Amino acid sequence: MSAKAYADFQDLLMLGPEGDEAAVAAVRARDAQLTKPAGSLGEMERLVEFMARWQGKAEPTFEDPMVAIFAANHGVTDQGVSAFPREVTKQMVNNFTKGGAAISQICALHEINLRVFELALDMPTGDITIVPAMDERTCAATIAYGMEAIAGEVDLLCIGEMGIGNTTVAAAVYAGLFGGSGADWVGRGTGVDDEGLARKANAVDRALERHAGRLNSPFEVLAHLGGREIAAMLGAIIAAQHNRIPVIVDGFVATSAAAIAQAVAPGSIDHCIFAHTSAETGHKRALEHMGKTGLLDLGMRLGEGSGAALGAVLCKTALHLHKNMATFAEAAVDEKLD
């Protein structure tokens, strides 16, 4: 593969804007005046700082949050790695749009915009145990598509995915980036039994062997072992960085897109937080490799942006408290004496 196809994306990842520390200072100054002991809201206070830093606003907003779900299909499902056929991907996309899925209900309840992007569902990627998932042109075009999908006045982006078989390709991506065997990274995904789990591990091992010597850059790992939804989520992360949009990353599969970005340029995901630690066994290991932690640990493994949306709810709550709590002066409450 030629590095030329990905040069622009590499430059964008390496040259993204830095966070606005003046906005963070303003948030901290107000926080110090609110009627509570300093630091007593813990991570909720840090969420406000996170929003301010990456929006570049002393008064961060939650006016147009969006959950973006990228849906794709995978040839590796031919290896019996999922409990469901890949036709379910399209069926679930329909369920999202009709409001029947968990993510649909979370977004409706909390007034979060939900957009679903279908990525050639009738053309699964190549079976990674035999051929590359994507050629470089397809991979690059899909990253670009993910960048273009993030348009409008979005002030918080949550990324999620749908794709039968995509926990297998995500496991392969992690193995390609961080090392290890299939058994180190695969989990039960849609609920495979022990035999299905063994097939997943075997498929990852065969893919690693098949593409050995052609995984010399993060983009090559993505093209050979990944999927369209992972490429598109990478594009969304890049676009958000350059448009000063903070990002909440969902679980096991979505994190693999962030892992690609970080492998290219370590600071390129500073504008991202990780919503939760998935019940997929490899997710915690991946976050540890990346030096990251999940905001929540609820034993979730649904995907479809559900954990990221719950992270957005926490951001909304944190911003509401920061904006609407009384200061010591307004409440006529004595501040702590030195």
Protein backbone atom coordinates (compact mmCIF):
# COMPACT_ATOMS: atom_id res chain seq x y z
CA MET A 1 0.00 0.00 0.00
CA SER A 2 1.07 3.52 -0.71
CA ALA A 3 1.28 5.99 2.16
CA LYS A 4 0.34 8.71 -0.35
CA ALA A 5 -3.36 7.77 -0.21
CA TYR A 6 -3.47 8.62 3.48
CA ALA A 7 -1.04 11.55 3.60
CA ASP A 8 -3.72 14.21 3.96
CA PHE A 9 -5.40 12.35 6.81
CA GLN A 10 -2.07 11.89 8.55
CA ASP A 11 -1.36 15.61 8.26
CA LEU A 12 -4.78 16.48 9.64
CA LEU A 13 -4.29 14.16 12.61
CA MET A 14 -0.85 15.56 13.35
CA LEU A 15 -1.74 19.25 12.89
CA GLY A 16 -5.04 19.55 14.73
CA PRO A 17 -5.83 22.57 16.93
CA GLU A 18 -4.95 22.58 20.60
CA GLY A 19 -7.46 22.96 23.39
CA ASP A 20 -8.46 26.41 24.66
CA GLU A 21 -6.93 26.73 28.11
CA ALA A 22 -8.35 30.24 28.59
CA ALA A 23 -11.84 28.76 28.30
CA VAL A 24 -10.92 26.14 30.89
CA ALA A 25 -9.62 28.84 33.24
CA ALA A 26 -12.93 30.70 32.94
CA VAL A 27 -14.85 27.53 33.77
CA ARG A 28 -12.66 26.90 36.81
CA ALA A 29 -13.11 30.47 38.01
CA ARG A 30 -16.89 30.11 37.97
CA ASP A 31 -16.74 26.64 39.47
CA ALA A 32 -14.79 28.04 42.43
CA GLN A 33 -17.74 30.34 43.21
CA LEU A 34 -20.47 27.70 43.13
CA THR A 35 -22.15 26.59 46.35
CA LYS A 36 -20.24 23.36 46.91
CA PRO A 37 -16.87 22.29 48.24
CA ALA A 38 -14.11 22.56 45.65
CA GLY A 39 -13.90 19.43 43.53
CA SER A 40 -16.93 17.83 45.13
CA LEU A 41 -18.63 17.07 41.81
CA GLY A 42 -15.58 15.16 40.67
CA GLU A 43 -15.77 13.98 37.08
CA MET A 44 -18.79 16.19 36.43
CA GLU A 45 -16.56 19.23 36.86
CA ARG A 46 -13.98 17.77 34.50
CA LEU A 47 -16.66 17.18 31.88
CA VAL A 48 -17.45 20.91 31.84
CA GLU A 49 -13.75 21.67 31.46
CA PHE A 50 -13.53 19.12 28.64
CA MET A 51 -16.43 20.73 26.80
CA ALA A 52 -14.98 24.22 27.25
CA ARG A 53 -11.48 23.22 26.18
CA TRP A 54 -12.54 21.63 22.90
CA GLN A 55 -15.44 23.92 22.00
CA GLY A 56 -13.21 26.91 22.75
CA LYS A 57 -15.97 28.49 24.81
CA ALA A 58 -15.83 29.94 28.32
CA GLU A 59 -19.52 29.02 28.51
CA PRO A 60 -19.74 25.64 26.77
CA THR A 61 -23.01 24.64 25.13
CA PHE A 62 -25.21 21.59 24.68
CA GLU A 63 -27.52 22.96 22.01
CA ASP A 64 -26.95 20.58 19.09
CA PRO A 65 -25.53 17.27 20.31
CA MET A 66 -25.48 14.42 17.83
CA VAL A 67 -25.12 10.67 17.95
CA ALA A 68 -23.71 9.45 14.63
CA ILE A 69 -24.09 5.73 13.93
CA PHE A 70 -22.09 4.29 11.04
CA ALA A 71 -23.38 0.97 9.75
CA ALA A 72 -21.46 -1.53 7.62
CA ASN A 73 -21.27 -5.22 6.77
CA HIS A 74 -18.32 -7.59 6.88
CA GLY A 75 -17.25 -10.52 4.74
CA VAL A 76 -15.71 -12.27 7.73
CA THR A 77 -19.21 -13.24 8.84
CA ASP A 78 -18.81 -16.08 6.34
CA GLN A 79 -16.55 -17.67 8.97
CA GLY A 80 -19.39 -18.11 11.48
CA VAL A 81 -18.14 -15.41 13.84
CA SER A 82 -21.55 -13.97 14.77
CA ALA A 83 -24.75 -15.30 16.30
CA PHE A 84 -26.74 -13.30 13.72
CA PRO A 85 -26.62 -13.12 9.90
CA ARG A 86 -25.38 -9.89 8.36
CA GLU A 87 -28.87 -9.08 7.06
CA VAL A 88 -29.56 -7.96 10.62
CA THR A 89 -27.38 -4.89 10.06
CA LYS A 90 -29.87 -3.43 7.58
CA GLN A 91 -32.80 -4.52 9.76
CA MET A 92 -31.34 -2.72 12.76
CA VAL A 93 -30.68 0.43 10.72
CA ASN A 94 -34.40 0.41 9.93
CA ASN A 95 -35.11 -0.08 13.63
CA PHE A 96 -32.95 2.92 14.51
CA THR A 97 -34.80 5.18 12.13
CA LYS A 98 -38.22 3.97 13.30
CA GLY A 99 -37.33 4.62 16.93
CA GLY A 100 -37.36 1.05 18.16
CA ALA A 101 -33.75 0.63 19.25
CA ALA A 102 -32.21 1.44 22.61
CA ILE A 103 -30.18 4.29 21.12
CA SER A 104 -33.32 5.71 19.50
CA GLN A 105 -35.07 5.81 22.85
CA ILE A 106 -32.11 7.32 24.71
CA CYS A 107 -31.81 10.08 22.12
CA ALA A 108 -35.54 10.78 22.08
CA LEU A 109 -35.73 10.97 25.86
CA HIS A 110 -32.79 13.35 26.17
CA GLU A 111 -33.34 15.40 22.99
CA ILE A 112 -30.14 14.29 21.27
CA ASN A 113 -30.04 14.28 17.48
CA LEU A 114 -29.59 10.82 15.98
CA ARG A 115 -28.19 10.29 12.49
CA VAL A 116 -27.54 6.92 10.89
CA PHE A 117 -25.10 6.56 7.99
CA GLU A 118 -25.32 3.41 5.85
CA LEU A 119 -22.04 2.37 4.27
CA ALA A 120 -22.67 0.10 1.26
CA LEU A 121 -24.56 -2.49 3.28
CA ASP A 122 -25.12 -4.62 0.19
CA MET A 123 -21.36 -4.80 -0.45
CA PRO A 124 -19.66 -6.35 2.59
CA THR A 125 -15.97 -5.76 3.04
CA GLY A 126 -13.61 -8.54 2.04
CA ASP A 127 -13.31 -11.57 4.29
CA ILE A 128 -10.18 -10.62 6.22
CA THR A 129 -9.13 -14.26 6.59
CA ILE A 130 -8.66 -14.35 2.79
CA VAL A 131 -8.33 -10.83 1.35
CA PRO A 132 -7.97 -7.26 2.66
CA ALA A 133 -11.14 -5.74 4.05
CA MET A 134 -10.72 -2.71 1.77
CA ASP A 135 -8.38 -1.49 -0.91
CA GLU A 136 -6.65 1.80 -0.15
CA ARG A 137 -9.00 3.82 -2.37
CA THR A 138 -12.08 2.49 -0.59
CA CYS A 139 -10.51 3.00 2.81
CA ALA A 140 -9.47 6.59 2.05
CA ALA A 141 -12.84 7.43 0.51
CA THR A 142 -14.65 6.08 3.56
CA ILE A 143 -12.52 8.12 5.93
CA ALA A 144 -13.38 11.17 3.83
CA TYR A 145 -17.07 10.26 3.94
CA GLY A 146 -16.91 10.13 7.73
CA MET A 147 -15.39 13.60 7.76
CA GLU A 148 -18.13 14.97 5.52
CA ALA A 149 -20.86 13.40 7.64
CA ILE A 150 -20.08 15.78 10.48
CA ALA A 151 -21.73 18.94 9.22
CA GLY A 152 -23.86 21.70 10.70
CA GLU A 153 -23.68 23.29 14.13
CA VAL A 154 -22.88 20.18 16.15
CA ASP A 155 -21.45 21.06 19.57
CA LEU A 156 -20.97 17.50 20.88
CA LEU A 157 -20.46 14.37 18.79
CA CYS A 158 -21.08 10.83 19.98
CA ILE A 159 -19.83 8.10 17.66
CA GLY A 160 -21.28 4.62 17.47
CA GLU A 161 -21.70 1.79 14.98
CA MET A 162 -23.76 -1.11 13.77
CA GLY A 163 -22.36 -4.06 11.87
CA ILE A 164 -22.78 -7.79 12.31
CA GLY A 165 -19.26 -9.21 12.59
CA ASN A 166 -17.61 -5.94 13.57
CA THR A 167 -16.38 -7.06 16.98
CA THR A 168 -14.25 -9.58 15.09
CA VAL A 169 -12.69 -6.98 12.82
CA ALA A 170 -12.22 -4.59 15.74
CA ALA A 171 -10.39 -7.35 17.61
CA ALA A 172 -8.20 -7.83 14.55
CA VAL A 173 -7.45 -4.10 14.44
CA TYR A 174 -6.40 -4.13 18.08
CA ALA A 175 -4.17 -7.15 17.50
CA GLY A 176 -2.65 -5.41 14.47
CA LEU A 177 -1.94 -2.27 16.51
CA PHE A 178 -1.01 -3.69 19.91
CA GLY A 179 0.03 -7.28 19.25
CA GLY A 180 -1.32 -10.49 20.67
CA SER A 181 -3.47 -13.27 19.29
CA GLY A 182 -7.14 -13.49 18.51
CA ALA A 183 -7.86 -15.06 21.89
CA ASP A 184 -6.43 -11.96 23.57
CA TRP A 185 -8.93 -9.64 21.90
CA VAL A 186 -12.17 -11.36 20.93
CA GLY A 187 -15.29 -11.42 23.07
CA ARG A 188 -18.77 -12.81 22.69
CA GLY A 189 -20.10 -9.86 20.68
CA THR A 190 -23.71 -10.62 19.74
CA GLY A 191 -23.67 -13.57 22.13
CA VAL A 192 -21.76 -16.39 20.44
CA ASP A 193 -21.29 -19.65 22.30
CA ASP A 194 -17.89 -21.16 23.14
CA GLU A 195 -17.53 -22.65 19.65
CA GLY A 196 -18.38 -19.30 18.10
CA LEU A 197 -15.83 -17.58 20.33
CA ALA A 198 -13.19 -20.04 19.16
CA ARG A 199 -14.12 -19.34 15.54
CA LYS A 200 -13.71 -15.61 16.16
CA ALA A 201 -10.26 -16.07 17.67
CA ASN A 202 -9.25 -18.36 14.84
CA ALA A 203 -10.50 -15.89 12.23
CA VAL A 204 -8.42 -13.10 13.77
CA ASP A 205 -5.34 -15.31 13.88
CA ARG A 206 -5.79 -16.32 10.25
CA ALA A 207 -6.24 -12.70 9.24
CA LEU A 208 -3.06 -11.67 11.06
CA GLU A 209 -1.16 -14.46 9.33
CA ARG A 210 -2.69 -13.69 5.96
CA HIS A 211 -1.75 -10.00 6.11
CA ALA A 212 1.58 -10.31 7.92
CA GLY A 213 4.12 -7.91 6.46
CA ARG A 214 1.39 -5.56 5.23
CA LEU A 215 0.43 -4.02 8.57
CA ASN A 216 3.23 -1.48 8.78
CA SER A 217 1.14 1.61 9.46
CA PRO A 218 -2.14 2.25 11.31
CA PHE A 219 -3.85 3.00 7.99
CA GLU A 220 -2.70 -0.34 6.58
CA VAL A 221 -4.06 -2.08 9.68
CA LEU A 222 -7.38 -0.34 9.10
CA ALA A 223 -7.57 -1.20 5.40
CA HIS A 224 -6.50 -4.82 5.74
CA LEU A 225 -8.28 -5.77 8.95
CA GLY A 226 -10.96 -3.16 9.66
CA GLY A 227 -14.32 -2.12 8.28
CA ARG A 228 -16.07 0.78 6.66
CA GLU A 229 -17.72 1.90 9.89
CA ILE A 230 -14.33 2.05 11.62
CA ALA A 231 -12.89 4.09 8.75
CA ALA A 232 -15.88 6.45 8.81
CA MET A 233 -15.63 6.91 12.58
CA LEU A 234 -11.96 7.77 12.13
CA GLY A 235 -13.03 10.42 9.62
CA ALA A 236 -15.60 11.78 12.07
CA ILE A 237 -12.93 12.05 14.77
CA ILE A 238 -10.66 13.98 12.39
CA ALA A 239 -13.45 16.37 11.31
CA ALA A 240 -14.53 16.97 14.89
CA GLN A 241 -10.98 17.81 15.94
CA HIS A 242 -10.67 20.49 13.25
CA ASN A 243 -14.16 21.89 13.88
CA ARG A 244 -13.68 22.15 17.65
CA ILE A 245 -16.29 19.54 18.45
CA PRO A 246 -15.66 17.39 21.53
CA VAL A 247 -16.25 13.68 20.92
CA ILE A 248 -17.61 10.92 23.09
CA VAL A 249 -16.48 7.50 21.87
CA ASP A 250 -18.71 4.49 22.46
CA GLY A 251 -17.43 0.99 23.21
CA PHE A 252 -15.25 -1.77 21.82
CA VAL A 253 -15.69 -1.15 18.09
CA ALA A 254 -15.83 2.66 18.18
CA THR A 255 -12.69 2.76 20.30
CA SER A 256 -10.79 0.94 17.56
CA ALA A 257 -11.25 4.00 15.32
CA ALA A 258 -9.79 6.21 18.04
CA ALA A 259 -6.94 3.74 18.46
CA ILE A 260 -6.05 4.15 14.77
CA ALA A 261 -6.01 7.94 15.18
CA GLN A 262 -3.86 7.78 18.31
CA ALA A 263 -1.42 5.40 16.64
CA VAL A 264 -0.94 7.97 13.86
CA ALA A 265 -0.62 10.96 16.21
CA PRO A 266 -0.91 10.52 19.98
CA GLY A 267 -2.46 13.96 20.61
CA SER A 268 -5.09 13.57 17.92
CA ILE A 269 -7.69 12.14 20.29
CA ASP A 270 -7.26 14.63 23.13
CA HIS A 271 -10.68 15.98 22.13
CA CYS A 272 -12.21 12.53 22.78
CA ILE A 273 -13.43 10.90 25.94
CA PHE A 274 -14.43 7.26 26.23
CA ALA A 275 -17.97 6.78 27.42
CA HIS A 276 -17.65 3.46 29.15
CA THR A 277 -15.68 0.28 29.59
CA SER A 278 -17.45 -2.37 27.58
CA ALA A 279 -18.18 -5.85 28.82
CA GLU A 280 -16.24 -7.03 25.76
CA THR A 281 -13.08 -8.33 27.41
CA GLY A 282 -10.68 -6.68 24.98
CA HIS A 283 -12.03 -3.17 25.52
CA LYS A 284 -10.43 -2.61 28.90
CA ARG A 285 -7.17 -3.98 27.52
CA ALA A 286 -7.37 -1.60 24.56
CA LEU A 287 -8.05 1.40 26.77
CA GLU A 288 -5.07 0.44 28.94
CA HIS A 289 -2.83 0.29 25.87
CA MET A 290 -4.08 3.77 24.95
CA GLY A 291 -3.65 5.18 28.47
CA LYS A 292 -7.39 5.91 28.68
CA THR A 293 -10.24 5.04 31.02
CA GLY A 294 -13.96 4.75 30.48
CA LEU A 295 -16.27 7.30 32.06
CA LEU A 296 -18.78 4.63 33.07
CA ASP A 297 -18.63 0.90 33.77
CA LEU A 298 -22.14 -0.50 33.43
CA GLY A 299 -21.40 -3.90 31.92
CA MET A 300 -22.74 -2.75 28.54
CA ARG A 301 -21.83 -4.30 25.19
CA LEU A 302 -24.69 -3.18 22.96
CA GLY A 303 -22.80 -0.78 20.72
CA GLU A 304 -24.93 1.48 18.47
CA GLY A 305 -23.66 4.54 20.37
CA SER A 306 -25.68 3.69 23.47
CA GLY A 307 -22.87 4.20 25.97
CA ALA A 308 -21.74 7.39 24.22
CA ALA A 309 -25.27 8.79 24.44
CA LEU A 310 -25.32 8.14 28.17
CA GLY A 311 -22.01 9.99 28.38
CA ALA A 312 -23.69 12.89 26.60
CA VAL A 313 -26.45 12.86 29.21
CA LEU A 314 -23.79 13.28 31.88
CA CYS A 315 -22.28 16.18 29.94
CA LYS A 316 -25.70 17.80 29.67
CA THR A 317 -26.22 17.43 33.41
CA ALA A 318 -22.74 18.73 34.22
CA LEU A 319 -23.24 21.81 32.04
CA HIS A 320 -26.67 22.46 33.56
CA LEU A 321 -25.22 22.40 37.07
CA HIS A 322 -22.32 24.63 36.11
CA LYS A 323 -24.62 27.19 34.51
CA ASN A 324 -27.52 27.17 36.97
CA MET A 325 -26.13 26.52 40.44
CA ALA A 326 -26.00 29.60 42.64
CA THR A 327 -22.72 31.18 43.58
CA PHE A 328 -21.83 31.75 47.23
CA ALA A 329 -22.68 35.43 46.82
CA GLU A 330 -26.02 34.80 45.12
CA ALA A 331 -27.08 32.30 47.80
CA ALA A 332 -25.67 34.34 50.69
CA VAL A 333 -23.62 31.33 51.77
CA ASP A 334 -20.33 31.93 53.55
CA GLU A 335 -17.28 30.66 51.72
CA LYS A 336 -14.74 28.50 53.50
CA LEU A 337 -12.21 30.57 55.42
CA ASP A 338 -8.52 30.14 54.73
